[in-house]
Amino acid sequence: MANYSPDISIRVAVIEENAVEREYLLALVSRAPGVKVLAAYGSLTGTVAELEQEPPDLVIADLRVLDDFTVSWLRNFRTVLPHTAMLVLSDEKEREPVFQALEAGVSGWLQKPCTGDQIVRAILVLHDGGAVLSSPVARQILKYFHARGTSVDCLSHREREVLNLLGRGLQAADIAARLGLTPSTIRTHVRNLLQKLKVTSRTEAVAKYLNPVS
């Protein structure tokens, strides 16, 4: 196990639907020096309201098995408990749910199975203001941004500007006015970027730009 300072006081709550795994997490966290368990929950129902009464420093949650989990719940959690970090333990392998959770304010994500030492180290890192991502999640993020970069590398600076404005819902005339160009020039840029991205419509171009690895 890692070295822990007995002077650290980290208040932790656990959300885990599976009773056996919940007891394991509680035993693991409660044994870590400098860490105190505030509460444990088997579902998300009413959890945020209860946590608001005595906000923990960190919540550990297995969001994969919680049927009532939604990204809107996580955003609400972040709004109500802005100073509470969230550590997710999950066997989720699809990229989209992971990215949605990170965008909604998750501070750390450990891919299951993970060791007790990894969990306790993550608690300390998050309490210190850091972020924690397991290797599979980190690889997904790197792959995403690498693909995002390479998918638009072939475009000129002006074509990227036009594509970005298309993604914001602007029409050719609006883009022309924004960039100080003629609508005819904008249409030429659009035709060129469609050819370079090997797509047949503006919608496909925007989708490839915003989500290149899907």
C-alpha atoms as a PDB file:
ATOM      1  CA  MET A   1       0.000   0.000   0.000  1.00  0.00           C
ATOM      2  CA  ALA A   2       1.002   3.638  -0.389  1.00  0.00           C
ATOM      3  CA  ASN A   3       2.317   5.803   2.435  1.00  0.00           C
ATOM      4  CA  TYR A   4      -0.398   7.933   4.075  1.00  0.00           C
ATOM      5  CA  SER A   5      -0.193  10.815   6.486  1.00  0.00           C
ATOM      6  CA  PRO A   6      -2.330  10.379   9.619  1.00  0.00           C
ATOM      7  CA  ASP A   7      -2.822  14.157   9.649  1.00  0.00           C
ATOM      8  CA  ILE A   8      -4.926  14.092   6.472  1.00  0.00           C
ATOM      9  CA  SER A   9      -8.657  14.294   7.086  1.00  0.00           C
ATOM     10  CA  ILE A  10     -10.615  13.304   3.996  1.00  0.00           C
ATOM     11  CA  ARG A  11     -14.367  12.833   4.312  1.00  0.00           C
ATOM     12  CA  VAL A  12     -15.648  10.233   1.872  1.00  0.00           C
ATOM     13  CA  ALA A  13     -19.094   8.959   0.859  1.00  0.00           C
ATOM     14  CA  VAL A  14     -19.711   5.780  -1.129  1.00  0.00           C
ATOM     15  CA  ILE A  15     -22.445   5.059  -3.676  1.00  0.00           C
ATOM     16  CA  GLU A  16     -22.503   1.390  -4.682  1.00  0.00           C
ATOM     17  CA  GLU A  17     -25.575  -0.659  -5.551  1.00  0.00           C
ATOM     18  CA  ASN A  18     -23.975  -4.061  -4.958  1.00  0.00           C
ATOM     19  CA  ALA A  19     -24.017  -4.781  -1.224  1.00  0.00           C
ATOM     20  CA  VAL A  20     -20.868  -6.939  -1.273  1.00  0.00           C
ATOM     21  CA  GLU A  21     -18.843  -4.383  -3.199  1.00  0.00           C
ATOM     22  CA  ARG A  22     -20.238  -1.589  -1.037  1.00  0.00           C
ATOM     23  CA  GLU A  23     -19.013  -3.331   2.113  1.00  0.00           C
ATOM     24  CA  TYR A  24     -15.632  -3.888   0.492  1.00  0.00           C
ATOM     25  CA  LEU A  25     -15.297  -0.186  -0.356  1.00  0.00           C
ATOM     26  CA  LEU A  26     -16.385   0.842   3.120  1.00  0.00           C
ATOM     27  CA  ALA A  27     -13.822  -1.459   4.745  1.00  0.00           C
ATOM     28  CA  LEU A  28     -11.099  -0.289   2.363  1.00  0.00           C
ATOM     29  CA  VAL A  29     -11.780   3.416   2.852  1.00  0.00           C
ATOM     30  CA  SER A  30     -12.296   3.231   6.602  1.00  0.00           C
ATOM     31  CA  ARG A  31      -8.910   1.509   7.057  1.00  0.00           C
ATOM     32  CA  ALA A  32      -6.996   4.176   5.166  1.00  0.00           C
ATOM     33  CA  PRO A  33      -5.242   6.542   7.630  1.00  0.00           C
ATOM     34  CA  GLY A  34      -6.548  10.075   7.449  1.00  0.00           C
ATOM     35  CA  VAL A  35      -9.778   9.065   5.685  1.00  0.00           C
ATOM     36  CA  LYS A  36     -13.222   9.119   7.269  1.00  0.00           C
ATOM     37  CA  VAL A  37     -16.374   7.510   5.881  1.00  0.00           C
ATOM     38  CA  LEU A  38     -19.362   9.823   6.164  1.00  0.00           C
ATOM     39  CA  ALA A  39     -22.083   7.761   4.483  1.00  0.00           C
ATOM     40  CA  ALA A  40     -22.869   4.889   2.135  1.00  0.00           C
ATOM     41  CA  TYR A  41     -25.738   4.577  -0.344  1.00  0.00           C
ATOM     42  CA  GLY A  42     -27.155   1.781  -2.465  1.00  0.00           C
ATOM     43  CA  SER A  43     -28.821   4.058  -5.006  1.00  0.00           C
ATOM     44  CA  LEU A  44     -28.779   7.636  -6.249  1.00  0.00           C
ATOM     45  CA  THR A  45     -32.301   8.431  -5.092  1.00  0.00           C
ATOM     46  CA  GLY A  46     -32.195  11.306  -2.614  1.00  0.00           C
ATOM     47  CA  THR A  47     -28.416  11.024  -2.340  1.00  0.00           C
ATOM     48  CA  VAL A  48     -27.545  14.560  -3.414  1.00  0.00           C
ATOM     49  CA  ALA A  49     -30.001  16.126  -0.960  1.00  0.00           C
ATOM     50  CA  GLU A  50     -28.557  14.070   1.900  1.00  0.00           C
ATOM     51  CA  LEU A  51     -24.966  14.796   0.939  1.00  0.00           C
ATOM     52  CA  GLU A  52     -25.768  18.503   0.828  1.00  0.00           C
ATOM     53  CA  GLN A  53     -26.467  18.417   4.565  1.00  0.00           C
ATOM     54  CA  GLU A  54     -22.859  17.413   5.288  1.00  0.00           C
ATOM     55  CA  PRO A  55     -20.836  17.695   2.065  1.00  0.00           C
ATOM     56  CA  PRO A  56     -18.005  15.179   1.794  1.00  0.00           C
ATOM     57  CA  ASP A  57     -14.648  15.945   0.223  1.00  0.00           C
ATOM     58  CA  LEU A  58     -15.056  13.026  -2.138  1.00  0.00           C
ATOM     59  CA  VAL A  59     -17.751  10.675  -3.400  1.00  0.00           C
ATOM     60  CA  ILE A  60     -16.814   7.250  -4.751  1.00  0.00           C
ATOM     61  CA  ALA A  61     -19.498   5.904  -7.085  1.00  0.00           C
ATOM     62  CA  ASP A  62     -19.938   2.916  -9.352  1.00  0.00           C
ATOM     63  CA  LEU A  63     -22.147   4.621 -11.923  1.00  0.00           C
ATOM     64  CA  ARG A  64     -22.232   1.642 -14.270  1.00  0.00           C
ATOM     65  CA  VAL A  65     -24.602  -0.439 -12.140  1.00  0.00           C
ATOM     66  CA  LEU A  66     -26.834   2.391 -10.958  1.00  0.00           C
ATOM     67  CA  ASP A  67     -29.954   2.258 -13.095  1.00  0.00           C
ATOM     68  CA  ASP A  68     -31.031   5.783 -12.170  1.00  0.00           C
ATOM     69  CA  PHE A  69     -27.762   7.410 -13.224  1.00  0.00           C
ATOM     70  CA  THR A  70     -27.921  10.055 -15.940  1.00  0.00           C
ATOM     71  CA  VAL A  71     -25.540  12.800 -16.992  1.00  0.00           C
ATOM     72  CA  SER A  72     -28.134  15.319 -15.790  1.00  0.00           C
ATOM     73  CA  TRP A  73     -27.865  13.763 -12.319  1.00  0.00           C
ATOM     74  CA  LEU A  74     -24.124  14.264 -12.399  1.00  0.00           C
ATOM     75  CA  ARG A  75     -24.489  17.875 -13.518  1.00  0.00           C
ATOM     76  CA  ASN A  76     -26.933  18.468 -10.676  1.00  0.00           C
ATOM     77  CA  PHE A  77     -24.449  16.865  -8.280  1.00  0.00           C
ATOM     78  CA  ARG A  78     -21.763  19.267  -9.500  1.00  0.00           C
ATOM     79  CA  THR A  79     -24.102  22.264  -9.101  1.00  0.00           C
ATOM     80  CA  VAL A  80     -25.228  21.357  -5.588  1.00  0.00           C
ATOM     81  CA  LEU A  81     -21.826  20.097  -4.390  1.00  0.00           C
ATOM     82  CA  PRO A  82     -19.281  22.150  -6.346  1.00  0.00           C
ATOM     83  CA  HIS A  83     -16.441  21.445  -3.912  1.00  0.00           C
ATOM     84  CA  THR A  84     -16.962  17.671  -3.715  1.00  0.00           C
ATOM     85  CA  ALA A  85     -14.827  15.539  -6.019  1.00  0.00           C
ATOM     86  CA  MET A  86     -16.323  12.516  -7.765  1.00  0.00           C
ATOM     87  CA  LEU A  87     -14.361   9.307  -8.323  1.00  0.00           C
ATOM     88  CA  VAL A  88     -16.041   6.813 -10.651  1.00  0.00           C
ATOM     89  CA  LEU A  89     -15.309   3.093 -10.545  1.00  0.00           C
ATOM     90  CA  SER A  90     -16.680   1.407 -13.652  1.00  0.00           C
ATOM     91  CA  ASP A  91     -16.268  -1.406 -16.131  1.00  0.00           C
ATOM     92  CA  GLU A  92     -17.701   0.830 -18.877  1.00  0.00           C
ATOM     93  CA  LYS A  93     -15.652   0.472 -22.058  1.00  0.00           C
ATOM     94  CA  GLU A  94     -17.606   2.648 -24.474  1.00  0.00           C
ATOM     95  CA  ARG A  95     -16.043   6.050 -25.079  1.00  0.00           C
ATOM     96  CA  GLU A  96     -19.188   8.195 -25.089  1.00  0.00           C
ATOM     97  CA  PRO A  97     -20.427   7.519 -21.512  1.00  0.00           C
ATOM     98  CA  VAL A  98     -16.914   8.109 -20.176  1.00  0.00           C
ATOM     99  CA  PHE A  99     -16.552  11.408 -22.026  1.00  0.00           C
ATOM    100  CA  GLN A 100     -20.018  12.556 -20.976  1.00  0.00           C
ATOM    101  CA  ALA A 101     -19.187  11.883 -17.341  1.00  0.00           C
ATOM    102  CA  LEU A 102     -15.853  13.707 -17.570  1.00  0.00           C
ATOM    103  CA  GLU A 103     -17.485  16.686 -19.286  1.00  0.00           C
ATOM    104  CA  ALA A 104     -20.147  16.771 -16.572  1.00  0.00           C
ATOM    105  CA  GLY A 105     -17.545  17.174 -13.852  1.00  0.00           C
ATOM    106  CA  VAL A 106     -16.144  13.777 -12.806  1.00  0.00           C
ATOM    107  CA  SER A 107     -12.716  14.293 -11.227  1.00  0.00           C
ATOM    108  CA  GLY A 108     -11.434  10.733 -11.546  1.00  0.00           C
ATOM    109  CA  TRP A 109     -12.241   7.494 -13.357  1.00  0.00           C
ATOM    110  CA  LEU A 110     -10.816   4.075 -12.512  1.00  0.00           C
ATOM    111  CA  GLN A 111     -11.545   1.187 -14.837  1.00  0.00           C
ATOM    112  CA  LYS A 112     -12.648  -1.972 -13.024  1.00  0.00           C
ATOM    113  CA  PRO A 113     -11.176  -4.245 -11.933  1.00  0.00           C
ATOM    114  CA  CYS A 114      -8.924  -1.953  -9.924  1.00  0.00           C
ATOM    115  CA  THR A 115      -6.926  -2.609  -6.769  1.00  0.00           C
ATOM    116  CA  GLY A 116      -7.526  -1.251  -3.300  1.00  0.00           C
ATOM    117  CA  ASP A 117      -4.202   0.558  -3.506  1.00  0.00           C
ATOM    118  CA  GLN A 118      -5.296   2.302  -6.725  1.00  0.00           C
ATOM    119  CA  ILE A 119      -8.515   3.457  -5.079  1.00  0.00           C
ATOM    120  CA  VAL A 120      -6.822   4.848  -1.986  1.00  0.00           C
ATOM    121  CA  ARG A 121      -4.114   6.540  -4.051  1.00  0.00           C
ATOM    122  CA  ALA A 122      -6.859   8.111  -6.153  1.00  0.00           C
ATOM    123  CA  ILE A 123      -8.551   9.452  -3.026  1.00  0.00           C
ATOM    124  CA  LEU A 124      -5.342  11.185  -1.985  1.00  0.00           C
ATOM    125  CA  VAL A 125      -4.636  12.579  -5.449  1.00  0.00           C
ATOM    126  CA  LEU A 126      -8.165  13.974  -5.821  1.00  0.00           C
ATOM    127  CA  HIS A 127      -8.105  15.459  -2.336  1.00  0.00           C
ATOM    128  CA  ASP A 128      -4.893  17.220  -3.309  1.00  0.00           C
ATOM    129  CA  GLY A 129      -6.645  18.809  -6.290  1.00  0.00           C
ATOM    130  CA  GLY A 130      -5.357  16.415  -8.927  1.00  0.00           C
ATOM    131  CA  ALA A 131      -7.158  14.242 -11.454  1.00  0.00           C
ATOM    132  CA  VAL A 132      -7.121  10.469 -11.864  1.00  0.00           C
ATOM    133  CA  LEU A 133      -7.657   8.484 -15.066  1.00  0.00           C
ATOM    134  CA  SER A 134      -6.936   4.788 -15.455  1.00  0.00           C
ATOM    135  CA  SER A 135      -4.780   3.783 -18.411  1.00  0.00           C
ATOM    136  CA  PRO A 136      -7.647   2.555 -20.657  1.00  0.00           C
ATOM    137  CA  VAL A 137      -9.516   5.863 -20.230  1.00  0.00           C
ATOM    138  CA  ALA A 138      -6.375   7.918 -20.784  1.00  0.00           C
ATOM    139  CA  ARG A 139      -5.706   5.988 -23.995  1.00  0.00           C
ATOM    140  CA  GLN A 140      -9.249   6.686 -25.209  1.00  0.00           C
ATOM    141  CA  ILE A 141      -8.773  10.409 -24.611  1.00  0.00           C
ATOM    142  CA  LEU A 142      -5.426  10.474 -26.397  1.00  0.00           C
ATOM    143  CA  LYS A 143      -6.897   8.521 -29.304  1.00  0.00           C
ATOM    144  CA  TYR A 144      -9.822  10.929 -29.509  1.00  0.00           C
ATOM    145  CA  PHE A 145      -7.690  14.065 -29.660  1.00  0.00           C
ATOM    146  CA  HIS A 146      -5.183  12.482 -32.015  1.00  0.00           C
ATOM    147  CA  ALA A 147      -8.013  11.547 -34.389  1.00  0.00           C
ATOM    148  CA  ARG A 148      -9.591  14.977 -33.997  1.00  0.00           C
ATOM    149  CA  GLY A 149      -6.319  16.574 -34.989  1.00  0.00           C
ATOM    150  CA  THR A 150      -5.562  14.333 -37.956  1.00  0.00           C
ATOM    151  CA  SER A 151      -9.104  14.591 -39.329  1.00  0.00           C
ATOM    152  CA  VAL A 152      -8.724  18.339 -39.869  1.00  0.00           C
ATOM    153  CA  ASP A 153      -4.991  18.542 -40.563  1.00  0.00           C
ATOM    154  CA  CYS A 154      -5.738  18.592 -44.272  1.00  0.00           C
ATOM    155  CA  LEU A 155      -7.899  21.730 -43.978  1.00  0.00           C
ATOM    156  CA  SER A 156      -6.617  25.260 -44.383  1.00  0.00           C
ATOM    157  CA  HIS A 157      -7.026  27.794 -41.590  1.00  0.00           C
ATOM    158  CA  ARG A 158      -9.929  29.433 -43.438  1.00  0.00           C
ATOM    159  CA  GLU A 159     -11.624  26.087 -44.067  1.00  0.00           C
ATOM    160  CA  ARG A 160     -11.407  25.289 -40.361  1.00  0.00           C
ATOM    161  CA  GLU A 161     -12.987  28.641 -39.552  1.00  0.00           C
ATOM    162  CA  VAL A 162     -15.835  27.927 -41.955  1.00  0.00           C
ATOM    163  CA  LEU A 163     -16.324  24.400 -40.566  1.00  0.00           C
ATOM    164  CA  ASN A 164     -16.360  25.689 -37.014  1.00  0.00           C
ATOM    165  CA  LEU A 165     -19.076  28.230 -37.887  1.00  0.00           C
ATOM    166  CA  LEU A 166     -21.054  25.556 -39.728  1.00  0.00           C
ATOM    167  CA  GLY A 167     -20.916  23.546 -36.519  1.00  0.00           C
ATOM    168  CA  ARG A 168     -22.460  26.491 -34.701  1.00  0.00           C
ATOM    169  CA  GLY A 169     -25.420  26.418 -37.083  1.00  0.00           C
ATOM    170  CA  LEU A 170     -24.561  29.428 -39.277  1.00  0.00           C
ATOM    171  CA  GLN A 171     -25.562  29.529 -42.931  1.00  0.00           C
ATOM    172  CA  ALA A 172     -23.287  30.580 -45.806  1.00  0.00           C
ATOM    173  CA  ALA A 173     -24.522  34.192 -45.829  1.00  0.00           C
ATOM    174  CA  ASP A 174     -23.995  34.517 -42.060  1.00  0.00           C
ATOM    175  CA  ILE A 175     -20.527  32.988 -42.269  1.00  0.00           C
ATOM    176  CA  ALA A 176     -19.635  35.331 -45.131  1.00  0.00           C
ATOM    177  CA  ALA A 177     -20.685  38.357 -43.084  1.00  0.00           C
ATOM    178  CA  ARG A 178     -18.784  37.085 -40.043  1.00  0.00           C
ATOM    179  CA  LEU A 179     -15.557  36.502 -41.980  1.00  0.00           C
ATOM    180  CA  GLY A 180     -15.847  39.466 -44.349  1.00  0.00           C
ATOM    181  CA  LEU A 181     -16.092  37.273 -47.438  1.00  0.00           C
ATOM    182  CA  THR A 182     -18.682  36.750 -50.151  1.00  0.00           C
ATOM    183  CA  PRO A 183     -21.256  33.913 -49.954  1.00  0.00           C
ATOM    184  CA  SER A 184     -19.771  32.532 -53.181  1.00  0.00           C
ATOM    185  CA  THR A 185     -16.326  32.277 -51.539  1.00  0.00           C
ATOM    186  CA  ILE A 186     -17.844  30.513 -48.522  1.00  0.00           C
ATOM    187  CA  ARG A 187     -19.559  27.990 -50.798  1.00  0.00           C
ATOM    188  CA  THR A 188     -16.204  27.320 -52.475  1.00  0.00           C
ATOM    189  CA  HIS A 189     -14.585  26.716 -49.078  1.00  0.00           C
ATOM    190  CA  VAL A 190     -17.419  24.351 -48.171  1.00  0.00           C
ATOM    191  CA  ARG A 191     -17.012  22.345 -51.382  1.00  0.00           C
ATOM    192  CA  ASN A 192     -13.259  22.093 -50.808  1.00  0.00           C
ATOM    193  CA  LEU A 193     -13.552  20.951 -47.189  1.00  0.00           C
ATOM    194  CA  LEU A 194     -16.188  18.354 -48.120  1.00  0.00           C
ATOM    195  CA  GLN A 195     -13.770  16.898 -50.666  1.00  0.00           C
ATOM    196  CA  LYS A 196     -10.853  16.895 -48.226  1.00  0.00           C
ATOM    197  CA  LEU A 197     -12.857  15.246 -45.448  1.00  0.00           C
ATOM    198  CA  LYS A 198     -14.336  12.743 -47.927  1.00  0.00           C
ATOM    199  CA  VAL A 199     -17.938  13.475 -46.944  1.00  0.00           C
ATOM    200  CA  THR A 200     -20.954  14.461 -49.008  1.00  0.00           C
ATOM    201  CA  SER A 201     -22.799  16.946 -46.814  1.00  0.00           C
ATOM    202  CA  ARG A 202     -22.198  19.767 -44.354  1.00  0.00           C
ATOM    203  CA  THR A 203     -23.829  17.692 -41.624  1.00  0.00           C
ATOM    204  CA  GLU A 204     -21.366  14.839 -42.187  1.00  0.00           C
ATOM    205  CA  ALA A 205     -18.467  17.296 -42.202  1.00  0.00           C
ATOM    206  CA  VAL A 206     -19.502  18.824 -38.891  1.00  0.00           C
ATOM    207  CA  ALA A 207     -20.080  15.373 -37.368  1.00  0.00           C
ATOM    208  CA  LYS A 208     -16.627  14.213 -38.453  1.00  0.00           C
ATOM    209  CA  TYR A 209     -15.045  17.388 -37.080  1.00  0.00           C
ATOM    210  CA  LEU A 210     -16.802  17.166 -33.715  1.00  0.00           C
ATOM    211  CA  ASN A 211     -16.649  13.385 -33.298  1.00  0.00           C
ATOM    212  CA  PRO A 212     -13.945  12.068 -35.604  1.00  0.00           C
ATOM    213  CA  VAL A 213     -13.535   8.557 -34.116  1.00  0.00           C
ATOM    214  CA  SER A 214     -17.189   7.543 -34.158  1.00  0.00           C
END
